[in-house]
Protein backbone atom coordinates (compact mmCIF):
# COMPACT_ATOMS: atom_id res chain seq x y z
CA UNK A 1 -8.19 31.31 0.02
CA UNK A 2 -7.29 31.07 -3.67
CA UNK A 3 -8.19 33.85 -6.04
CA UNK A 4 -10.52 32.60 -8.77
CA UNK A 5 -11.27 34.05 -12.16
CA UNK A 6 -14.89 34.89 -12.98
CA UNK A 7 -14.99 31.84 -15.28
CA UNK A 8 -13.79 29.56 -12.48
CA UNK A 9 -16.34 31.01 -10.09
CA UNK A 10 -19.12 30.58 -12.67
CA UNK A 11 -18.08 26.93 -13.14
CA UNK A 12 -18.21 26.32 -9.39
CA UNK A 13 -21.66 27.90 -9.15
CA UNK A 14 -22.86 25.86 -12.13
CA UNK A 15 -21.70 22.64 -10.43
CA UNK A 16 -23.76 23.25 -7.30
CA UNK A 17 -26.82 24.74 -9.02
CA UNK A 18 -28.31 21.26 -9.48
CA UNK A 19 -28.18 20.56 -5.76
CA UNK A 20 -26.03 18.39 -3.53
CA UNK A 21 -26.36 14.70 -2.73
CA UNK A 22 -25.03 12.83 0.26
CA UNK A 23 -23.09 9.61 -0.40
CA UNK A 24 -26.19 7.35 -0.15
CA UNK A 25 -27.92 9.67 -2.63
CA UNK A 26 -24.94 9.45 -4.99
CA UNK A 27 -25.00 5.66 -4.69
CA UNK A 28 -28.70 5.62 -5.56
CA UNK A 29 -28.27 8.08 -8.45
CA UNK A 30 -25.31 6.29 -10.08
CA UNK A 31 -25.97 2.71 -8.93
CA UNK A 32 -22.28 2.53 -8.02
CA UNK A 33 -21.18 1.02 -4.73
CA UNK A 34 -20.50 3.16 -1.68
CA UNK A 35 -16.82 2.22 -1.79
CA UNK A 36 -16.57 3.20 -5.47
CA UNK A 37 -18.08 6.61 -4.70
CA UNK A 38 -15.51 7.11 -1.92
CA UNK A 39 -12.68 6.00 -4.25
CA UNK A 40 -13.81 8.57 -6.84
CA UNK A 41 -13.91 11.24 -4.14
CA UNK A 42 -10.45 10.32 -2.82
CA UNK A 43 -9.00 10.36 -6.35
CA UNK A 44 -10.54 13.76 -7.05
CA UNK A 45 -12.45 12.31 -10.00
CA UNK A 46 -15.69 13.88 -8.84
CA UNK A 47 -16.03 17.16 -6.98
CA UNK A 48 -17.41 17.30 -3.46
CA UNK A 49 -18.07 19.63 -0.58
CA UNK A 50 -17.01 18.74 2.93
CA UNK A 51 -19.58 19.68 5.56
CA UNK A 52 -18.14 18.79 8.94
CA UNK A 53 -17.24 15.11 8.66
CA UNK A 54 -19.65 14.39 5.82
CA UNK A 55 -19.37 14.86 2.08
CA UNK A 56 -21.89 16.37 -0.30
CA UNK A 57 -21.55 15.73 -4.00
CA UNK A 58 -22.94 18.08 -6.64
CA UNK A 59 -25.52 16.23 -8.72
CA UNK A 60 -24.09 17.95 -11.80
CA UNK A 61 -20.61 16.50 -11.04
CA UNK A 62 -22.13 13.00 -11.05
CA UNK A 63 -24.00 13.71 -14.28
CA UNK A 64 -20.76 14.90 -15.90
CA UNK A 65 -18.87 11.85 -14.64
CA UNK A 66 -21.48 9.48 -16.07
CA UNK A 67 -21.64 11.37 -19.38
CA UNK A 68 -17.84 11.35 -19.72
CA UNK A 69 -17.76 7.59 -19.17
CA UNK A 70 -20.61 6.55 -21.45
CA UNK A 71 -20.05 3.44 -23.48
CA UNK A 72 -21.84 3.24 -26.81
CA UNK A 73 -22.40 0.46 -29.30
CA UNK A 74 -21.10 1.26 -32.77
CA UNK A 75 -22.88 0.20 -35.93
CA UNK A 76 -21.15 -3.20 -35.96
CA UNK A 77 -22.22 -3.97 -32.39
CA UNK A 78 -18.88 -3.39 -30.68
CA UNK A 79 -18.70 -1.41 -27.46
CA UNK A 80 -16.97 1.93 -27.90
CA UNK A 81 -16.32 4.80 -25.54
CA UNK A 82 -17.64 8.20 -26.49
């Protein structure tokens, strides 16, 4: 088991404080496809917890993923990433 700093441990606790979703719950929350959710998990783009053979995804990790990938419209009407 890796030794974690207090800041790392606090970050981990913060991630799971919002609860965990199963993959169908993550699909419903994000409106992404099941295969896209699994691709994000495989790539390590979103954090997850393995429970036996199933995965649980912290709701906060999904919220952070969506927030980090927001697309906004600038004042001229062009799509921009924030």
